[in-house]
Amino acid sequence: MRGTDEASGSLFSYVDLEERIPLRHPLRKIRQVVNDALASLDAEFAALYTDFGRPSIAPERLIRAGLIQILFSVRSERQLMEQMQYNLLFRWFVGLGIDDPAWVPTVFTKNRDRLLTTEMSRKVMAAILAHREVAPLLSDDHFSVDGTLVKAWASMKSFQPKAGDTPPDNDPGSPPGPDCPAKDQPQITETDPMSRPSRWNRNAEVDFKGEKRSNATHASTTDPDARLYRKSPGTGAILCFIGHALMENRSGLIVQGDLTQADGHAERRAALDMIHRHSPGSTRQLTLGADKGFDAAEFVADLRQACVTPHVAQKSRYSAIDGRTTRHEGYALSIKHRKRIEEAFGWAKTVGGMTQTVYRGVERVRARFILTMAANNLARLPRLLAA
């Protein structure tokens, strides 16, 4: 018998959101780990808020919303709030009931700014890694480090001379300023007919060929923290930051994340900071795998002084790594496993949206990058725990 196609909406719903999510859905295990981690940060959240005033969005829901935005590649908070209206999976993960209204995008971003800090992002990552089911997956002795470029939310046309330098006479990328000479502005009297104002093209074509620009003389007017940098020869320089990650070699999980301004020594400085932050004052003999960009005599000496064996890929000439390190079997294993850190960077850029950040300022971009690394760990947990 053929069924009828009648659109008769029900006035009441008696099905819980929990029953609408498949029992074997990978988000169930992720949500359990996230809820336990956020529960351990209750005292940290309480210190951020006062005991009076209008209630804000719960910080636990803000962080869950940020994680679901990264996991499902939602490109903006406005689109996230739109999906919150109808996506029951998102509502269940964040903690909204089926009848609860979704937040206004501007209200959500205003509340989110309180938690978009480096300290809070690191605490969230640490709480996830300290979970009773996640901690046994981590290695305490063997790590790998690397860095990747994160394109800034600024165009090359915003890379203008600094205030102390003389700007070009005819800059087609900017409108005339308020201090233009009076002789360049036509005098209009009451008897003259009103003329149509000439439109200044704010996105005019600019030819940068032959113009010398550097971070010493130029800065971006959109994001002053961004730096002009290229990581490898043969590639064009871009306005960017450098994101850093410290990975443990057993399961390939990221245990530390950081983001700094781009320069030639940023990766080595960040590597030392992350290994000291993760294992402060450690007396165990740790190992740290890295690519040839870390093969510098000063960096290798600093690692040895910190009781860390530098398993760094050797340069063809003038390498700081000698036979006392390469002769051991563990060196070859570290060189093999260190390449897995590229998987985290690839996931962060393709799924997590970190190819080009939509935030400005090194502090905000750093906090988002660390949260993306934490989301990468969560995305891998269901497979690791099922193995």
Protein backbone atom coordinates (compact mmCIF):
# COMPACT_ATOMS: atom_id res chain seq x y z
CA MET A 1 0.00 0.00 0.00
CA ARG A 2 1.37 3.42 -0.96
CA GLY A 3 1.90 5.82 1.88
CA THR A 4 0.56 9.37 1.89
CA ASP A 5 2.74 12.43 1.39
CA GLU A 6 1.22 14.77 3.95
CA ALA A 7 3.22 17.49 5.70
CA SER A 8 1.68 17.51 9.16
CA GLY A 9 4.10 19.00 11.63
CA SER A 10 3.94 17.83 15.22
CA LEU A 11 3.35 20.40 17.89
CA PHE A 12 5.42 18.55 20.48
CA SER A 13 8.51 16.34 20.21
CA TYR A 14 9.10 13.47 22.62
CA VAL A 15 12.46 12.28 21.24
CA ASP A 16 15.59 13.28 23.13
CA LEU A 17 18.58 14.60 21.21
CA GLU A 18 20.67 11.83 22.77
CA GLU A 19 18.54 9.25 20.96
CA ARG A 20 19.01 10.91 17.58
CA ILE A 21 22.80 10.46 17.58
CA PRO A 22 24.04 7.01 16.45
CA LEU A 23 25.60 4.98 19.24
CA ARG A 24 28.79 4.41 17.26
CA HIS A 25 29.19 7.98 16.09
CA PRO A 26 32.83 9.13 16.65
CA LEU A 27 31.66 12.39 18.21
CA ARG A 28 30.35 10.46 21.22
CA LYS A 29 33.83 9.56 22.41
CA ILE A 30 35.14 13.05 21.53
CA ARG A 31 32.32 14.69 23.49
CA GLN A 32 32.99 12.49 26.52
CA VAL A 33 36.69 13.43 26.57
CA VAL A 34 35.91 17.13 26.05
CA ASN A 35 33.30 17.20 28.83
CA ASP A 36 35.67 15.55 31.30
CA ALA A 37 38.47 17.95 30.34
CA LEU A 38 36.24 21.02 30.70
CA ALA A 39 34.97 19.80 34.06
CA SER A 40 38.54 19.80 35.33
CA LEU A 41 38.86 23.46 34.27
CA ASP A 42 35.85 24.65 36.27
CA ALA A 43 37.97 26.71 38.68
CA GLU A 44 39.82 28.34 35.77
CA PHE A 45 36.53 29.39 34.17
CA ALA A 46 35.14 30.71 37.45
CA ALA A 47 38.10 33.08 37.78
CA LEU A 48 37.21 34.76 34.48
CA TYR A 49 33.72 35.84 35.50
CA THR A 50 32.14 37.92 38.27
CA ASP A 51 29.35 36.86 40.60
CA PHE A 52 26.94 39.58 39.50
CA GLY A 53 25.58 41.01 36.29
CA ARG A 54 23.91 39.50 33.26
CA PRO A 55 24.73 35.82 32.67
CA SER A 56 26.92 35.21 29.64
CA ILE A 57 27.27 32.18 27.41
CA ALA A 58 28.75 29.31 29.40
CA PRO A 59 32.49 28.97 28.66
CA GLU A 60 32.10 25.20 28.24
CA ARG A 61 29.62 25.77 25.44
CA LEU A 62 31.86 28.38 23.82
CA ILE A 63 34.78 25.96 23.70
CA ARG A 64 32.62 23.10 22.42
CA ALA A 65 31.27 25.39 19.71
CA GLY A 66 34.81 26.39 18.74
CA LEU A 67 35.87 22.74 18.53
CA ILE A 68 32.87 21.72 16.43
CA GLN A 69 33.57 24.64 14.11
CA ILE A 70 37.11 23.35 13.55
CA LEU A 71 36.14 19.68 13.26
CA PHE A 72 33.49 20.36 10.60
CA SER A 73 35.34 23.13 8.71
CA VAL A 74 32.76 25.85 9.38
CA ARG A 75 34.44 28.95 8.01
CA SER A 76 32.87 31.63 10.24
CA GLU A 77 31.00 32.13 13.49
CA ARG A 78 28.03 33.53 11.59
CA GLN A 79 27.73 30.34 9.55
CA LEU A 80 28.20 28.33 12.75
CA MET A 81 25.27 30.08 14.40
CA GLU A 82 23.20 29.48 11.26
CA GLN A 83 23.87 25.76 11.45
CA MET A 84 23.07 25.78 15.14
CA GLN A 85 19.50 26.61 14.16
CA TYR A 86 18.89 23.33 12.35
CA ASN A 87 21.83 20.97 12.88
CA LEU A 88 20.84 18.64 15.71
CA LEU A 89 24.32 17.08 15.83
CA PHE A 90 25.87 20.48 16.54
CA ARG A 91 23.26 21.26 19.19
CA TRP A 92 23.86 17.93 20.92
CA PHE A 93 27.65 18.37 20.95
CA VAL A 94 27.57 21.97 22.21
CA GLY A 95 24.90 21.25 24.83
CA LEU A 96 21.91 23.18 23.48
CA GLY A 97 18.45 21.69 23.83
CA ILE A 98 16.20 21.28 20.84
CA ASP A 99 14.07 24.22 22.01
CA ASP A 100 16.94 26.49 23.07
CA PRO A 101 17.49 29.48 20.78
CA ALA A 102 20.80 29.75 18.94
CA TRP A 103 23.02 32.67 19.88
CA VAL A 104 23.28 35.90 17.93
CA PRO A 105 26.62 35.86 16.03
CA THR A 106 27.81 39.16 17.51
CA VAL A 107 26.96 38.01 21.04
CA PHE A 108 28.82 34.76 20.45
CA THR A 109 31.98 36.48 19.16
CA LYS A 110 31.90 39.00 22.03
CA ASN A 111 31.79 36.19 24.59
CA ARG A 112 34.32 34.11 22.66
CA ASP A 113 36.98 36.84 22.89
CA ARG A 114 37.29 36.24 26.62
CA LEU A 115 38.44 32.66 26.00
CA LEU A 116 40.50 33.31 22.85
CA THR A 117 43.78 33.60 24.76
CA THR A 118 47.00 31.63 24.61
CA GLU A 119 46.80 30.60 28.27
CA MET A 120 43.25 29.24 28.02
CA SER A 121 43.94 27.36 24.77
CA ARG A 122 46.96 25.68 26.34
CA LYS A 123 44.94 24.72 29.40
CA VAL A 124 42.26 23.14 27.21
CA MET A 125 44.88 21.13 25.31
CA ALA A 126 46.60 20.06 28.52
CA ALA A 127 43.30 18.97 30.08
CA ILE A 128 42.49 16.84 27.03
CA LEU A 129 45.92 15.19 27.08
CA ALA A 130 45.64 14.55 30.83
CA HIS A 131 42.39 12.60 30.38
CA ARG A 132 42.52 9.11 31.85
CA GLU A 133 41.98 7.49 28.44
CA VAL A 134 44.35 9.79 26.51
CA ALA A 135 47.36 9.92 28.85
CA PRO A 136 48.35 6.23 28.30
CA LEU A 137 48.64 6.92 24.57
CA LEU A 138 51.41 9.48 25.03
CA SER A 139 55.17 8.98 25.02
CA ASP A 140 57.21 10.65 27.75
CA ASP A 141 60.61 10.36 26.10
CA HIS A 142 60.45 10.72 22.31
CA PHE A 143 59.23 13.85 20.53
CA SER A 144 59.35 15.61 17.16
CA VAL A 145 59.12 19.30 16.31
CA ASP A 146 58.42 21.32 13.19
CA GLY A 147 56.86 24.56 11.98
CA THR A 148 54.53 25.68 9.21
CA LEU A 149 53.49 28.99 7.71
CA VAL A 150 50.06 30.42 8.53
CA LYS A 151 49.03 33.10 6.07
CA ALA A 152 47.91 36.30 7.77
CA TRP A 153 44.54 37.99 7.19
CA ALA A 154 46.20 40.83 5.29
CA SER A 155 46.89 41.52 1.63
CA MET A 156 50.20 42.47 0.08
CA LYS A 157 48.76 45.91 -0.73
CA SER A 158 48.54 46.61 3.00
CA PHE A 159 52.33 46.22 3.31
CA GLN A 160 53.11 49.94 3.34
CA PRO A 161 56.18 51.99 4.39
CA LYS A 162 56.40 52.71 8.09
CA ALA A 163 55.71 56.16 9.50
CA GLY A 164 59.40 57.09 9.58
CA ASP A 165 59.90 56.27 5.89
CA THR A 166 58.84 58.41 2.98
CA PRO A 167 55.78 56.97 1.24
CA PRO A 168 55.59 56.95 -2.56
CA ASP A 169 54.21 60.07 -4.20
CA ASN A 170 51.42 58.32 -6.08
CA ASP A 171 50.09 55.41 -4.10
CA PRO A 172 47.20 53.87 -6.05
CA GLY A 173 46.25 51.56 -3.22
CA SER A 174 45.03 54.19 -0.77
CA PRO A 175 42.47 57.02 -0.98
CA PRO A 176 43.61 60.62 -0.55
CA GLY A 177 44.09 61.56 3.07
CA PRO A 178 42.48 64.46 4.90
CA ASP A 179 45.71 66.47 4.77
CA CYS A 180 45.77 66.80 0.99
CA PRO A 181 46.75 70.27 -0.29
CA ALA A 182 43.87 72.63 -0.81
CA LYS A 183 44.98 73.41 -4.36
CA ASP A 184 44.19 69.83 -5.39
CA GLN A 185 40.58 70.20 -4.25
CA PRO A 186 38.24 72.17 -6.53
CA GLN A 187 36.52 75.21 -5.03
CA ILE A 188 32.73 74.88 -5.20
CA THR A 189 30.42 77.85 -4.73
CA GLU A 190 26.69 77.91 -4.19
CA THR A 191 26.00 78.99 -7.79
CA ASP A 192 28.00 76.17 -9.37
CA PRO A 193 26.10 73.02 -10.24
CA MET A 194 26.84 69.99 -8.10
CA SER A 195 29.33 67.74 -9.87
CA ARG A 196 29.57 64.00 -9.56
CA PRO A 197 32.43 63.09 -7.17
CA SER A 198 35.24 61.12 -8.74
CA ARG A 199 35.47 57.59 -7.36
CA TRP A 200 38.86 56.53 -6.03
CA ASN A 201 39.60 52.91 -6.74
CA ARG A 202 40.61 51.37 -3.43
CA ASN A 203 41.59 48.11 -5.13
CA ALA A 204 43.69 49.48 -7.95
CA GLU A 205 46.34 47.43 -9.69
CA VAL A 206 49.77 47.77 -8.10
CA ASP A 207 53.05 46.70 -9.70
CA PHE A 208 55.56 45.71 -7.01
CA LYS A 209 58.31 44.83 -9.48
CA GLY A 210 61.57 46.57 -8.68
CA GLU A 211 60.31 47.95 -5.35
CA LYS A 212 62.45 47.06 -2.35
CA ARG A 213 60.37 46.07 0.63
CA SER A 214 61.41 44.49 3.91
CA ASN A 215 60.12 44.07 7.44
CA ALA A 216 62.56 46.74 8.57
CA THR A 217 61.04 49.47 6.42
CA HIS A 218 57.48 48.26 5.79
CA ALA A 219 54.58 46.99 7.90
CA SER A 220 51.06 45.81 7.21
CA THR A 221 48.37 48.36 7.97
CA THR A 222 45.83 45.54 8.37
CA ASP A 223 47.80 43.31 10.76
CA PRO A 224 50.99 44.95 12.06
CA ASP A 225 52.08 41.65 13.68
CA ALA A 226 52.33 39.85 10.31
CA ARG A 227 55.76 39.57 8.72
CA LEU A 228 56.89 39.18 5.12
CA TYR A 229 58.62 35.80 4.97
CA ARG A 230 59.31 32.77 2.81
CA LYS A 231 60.28 29.42 4.27
CA SER A 232 62.04 27.86 1.30
CA PRO A 233 63.96 29.18 -1.71
CA GLY A 234 62.07 29.45 -4.97
CA THR A 235 58.80 30.45 -3.31
CA GLY A 236 57.27 33.88 -3.01
CA ALA A 237 57.28 35.77 0.25
CA ILE A 238 53.90 36.25 1.96
CA LEU A 239 52.57 38.02 5.01
CA CYS A 240 52.37 35.25 7.54
CA PHE A 241 53.06 33.80 10.97
CA ILE A 242 54.87 30.56 11.85
CA GLY A 243 52.93 27.89 13.71
CA HIS A 244 54.94 25.39 15.78
CA ALA A 245 54.03 21.97 17.13
CA LEU A 246 55.66 19.44 19.44
CA MET A 247 54.53 15.86 18.76
CA GLU A 248 55.06 12.73 20.82
CA ASN A 249 56.21 9.84 18.65
CA ARG A 250 54.14 6.97 20.06
CA SER A 251 50.69 7.97 18.80
CA GLY A 252 51.48 11.12 16.84
CA LEU A 253 49.50 13.44 19.12
CA ILE A 254 50.43 17.11 19.50
CA VAL A 255 51.44 17.87 23.08
CA GLN A 256 52.49 21.51 22.67
CA GLY A 257 51.61 24.25 20.19
CA ASP A 258 52.80 27.78 19.62
CA LEU A 259 52.71 30.53 17.01
CA THR A 260 55.19 33.37 16.58
CA GLN A 261 56.12 36.09 14.18
CA ALA A 262 57.97 34.81 11.14
CA ASP A 263 61.76 34.97 11.01
CA GLY A 264 64.65 32.62 10.35
CA HIS A 265 65.27 31.69 13.99
CA ALA A 266 61.66 31.41 15.18
CA GLU A 267 61.39 27.64 14.77
CA ARG A 268 64.47 26.86 16.83
CA ARG A 269 63.49 29.27 19.59
CA ALA A 270 59.96 27.87 19.73
CA ALA A 271 61.27 24.29 19.82
CA LEU A 272 63.35 25.02 22.92
CA ASP A 273 60.44 26.83 24.58
CA MET A 274 58.01 23.98 23.90
CA ILE A 275 60.32 21.20 25.10
CA HIS A 276 61.08 23.15 28.30
CA ARG A 277 57.38 23.90 28.83
CA HIS A 278 56.36 20.28 28.33
CA SER A 279 59.14 18.69 30.44
CA PRO A 280 60.49 21.40 32.77
CA GLY A 281 63.67 20.37 34.54
CA SER A 282 63.53 16.83 33.19
CA THR A 283 66.47 14.58 34.09
CA ARG A 284 65.45 11.80 31.69
CA GLN A 285 67.26 11.55 28.39
CA LEU A 286 64.64 12.79 25.92
CA THR A 287 64.95 12.68 22.15
CA LEU A 288 63.79 15.37 19.74
CA GLY A 289 63.45 14.68 16.01
CA ALA A 290 63.53 17.55 13.52
CA ASP A 291 64.34 18.33 9.89
CA LYS A 292 67.50 19.89 8.44
CA GLY A 293 66.34 23.40 9.25
CA PHE A 294 67.14 22.67 12.91
CA ASP A 295 70.69 21.49 12.17
CA ALA A 296 72.49 24.44 13.78
CA ALA A 297 75.39 24.21 16.22
CA GLU A 298 73.84 26.56 18.79
CA PHE A 299 70.48 24.74 18.77
CA VAL A 300 72.10 21.31 19.09
CA ALA A 301 74.23 22.54 22.00
CA ASP A 302 71.19 23.97 23.78
CA LEU A 303 69.39 20.63 23.44
CA ARG A 304 72.30 18.67 24.85
CA GLN A 305 72.55 21.06 27.78
CA ALA A 306 68.84 20.46 28.47
CA CYS A 307 69.39 16.68 28.56
CA VAL A 308 67.71 16.21 25.15
CA THR A 309 69.34 14.08 22.44
CA PRO A 310 69.07 15.99 19.13
CA HIS A 311 67.77 13.54 16.51
CA VAL A 312 68.02 16.19 13.79
CA ALA A 313 68.35 15.34 10.11
CA GLN A 314 71.89 16.00 8.94
CA LYS A 315 72.84 18.64 6.41
CA SER A 316 75.08 17.54 3.56
CA ARG A 317 77.75 20.03 4.69
CA TYR A 318 78.77 21.52 8.04
CA SER A 319 76.34 19.43 10.07
CA ALA A 320 76.29 19.76 13.86
CA ILE A 321 75.15 16.12 14.21
CA ASP A 322 78.02 13.66 14.39
CA GLY A 323 78.47 9.91 14.61
CA ARG A 324 77.85 9.69 18.35
CA THR A 325 74.18 10.41 17.58
CA THR A 326 73.63 8.82 14.17
CA ARG A 327 75.16 5.44 15.11
CA HIS A 328 72.25 4.52 17.37
CA GLU A 329 69.16 2.74 16.10
CA GLY A 330 66.90 5.27 17.82
CA TYR A 331 68.18 8.03 15.54
CA ALA A 332 66.84 6.29 12.43
CA LEU A 333 63.50 5.68 14.16
CA SER A 334 63.16 9.33 15.15
CA ILE A 335 63.96 10.48 11.60
CA LYS A 336 61.24 8.12 10.35
CA HIS A 337 58.56 9.09 12.88
CA ARG A 338 59.16 12.85 12.80
CA LYS A 339 57.50 13.07 9.37
CA ARG A 340 54.13 12.27 10.96
CA ILE A 341 53.96 15.80 12.29
CA GLU A 342 53.15 16.93 8.75
CA GLU A 343 49.85 15.06 9.06
CA ALA A 344 48.79 17.39 11.87
CA PHE A 345 49.77 20.46 9.85
CA GLY A 346 47.95 19.14 6.79
CA TRP A 347 44.80 18.47 8.84
CA ALA A 348 44.97 21.91 10.45
CA LYS A 349 45.14 23.60 7.04
CA THR A 350 42.64 21.52 5.09
CA VAL A 351 40.06 20.80 7.81
CA GLY A 352 40.87 23.29 10.56
CA GLY A 353 41.01 26.32 8.25
CA MET A 354 44.54 27.42 9.21
CA THR A 355 45.83 27.83 5.65
CA GLN A 356 44.91 31.48 6.11
CA THR A 357 43.73 32.71 9.46
CA VAL A 358 40.71 35.00 9.79
CA TYR A 359 42.02 36.56 13.01
CA ARG A 360 44.41 39.48 13.41
CA GLY A 361 47.16 39.88 15.98
CA VAL A 362 49.68 37.27 17.01
CA GLU A 363 47.93 36.59 20.35
CA ARG A 364 44.55 35.75 18.80
CA VAL A 365 46.06 33.73 15.96
CA ARG A 366 48.22 31.79 18.44
CA ALA A 367 45.23 30.91 20.59
CA ARG A 368 43.28 29.70 17.56
CA PHE A 369 46.23 27.67 16.29
CA ILE A 370 46.67 25.87 19.62
CA LEU A 371 42.93 25.12 19.77
CA THR A 372 43.16 23.71 16.24
CA MET A 373 45.99 21.42 17.34
CA ALA A 374 43.81 20.24 20.23
CA ALA A 375 40.97 19.56 17.78
CA ASN A 376 43.38 17.53 15.65
CA ASN A 377 44.11 15.33 18.66
CA LEU A 378 40.39 14.87 19.26
CA ALA A 379 39.80 13.89 15.65
CA ARG A 380 42.34 11.07 16.01
CA LEU A 381 41.12 9.77 19.38
CA PRO A 382 38.26 7.48 18.24
CA ARG A 383 40.61 5.49 15.99
CA LEU A 384 43.41 5.37 18.57
CA LEU A 385 41.14 4.27 21.40
CA ALA A 386 39.50 1.60 19.23
CA ALA A 387 42.86 0.09 18.25
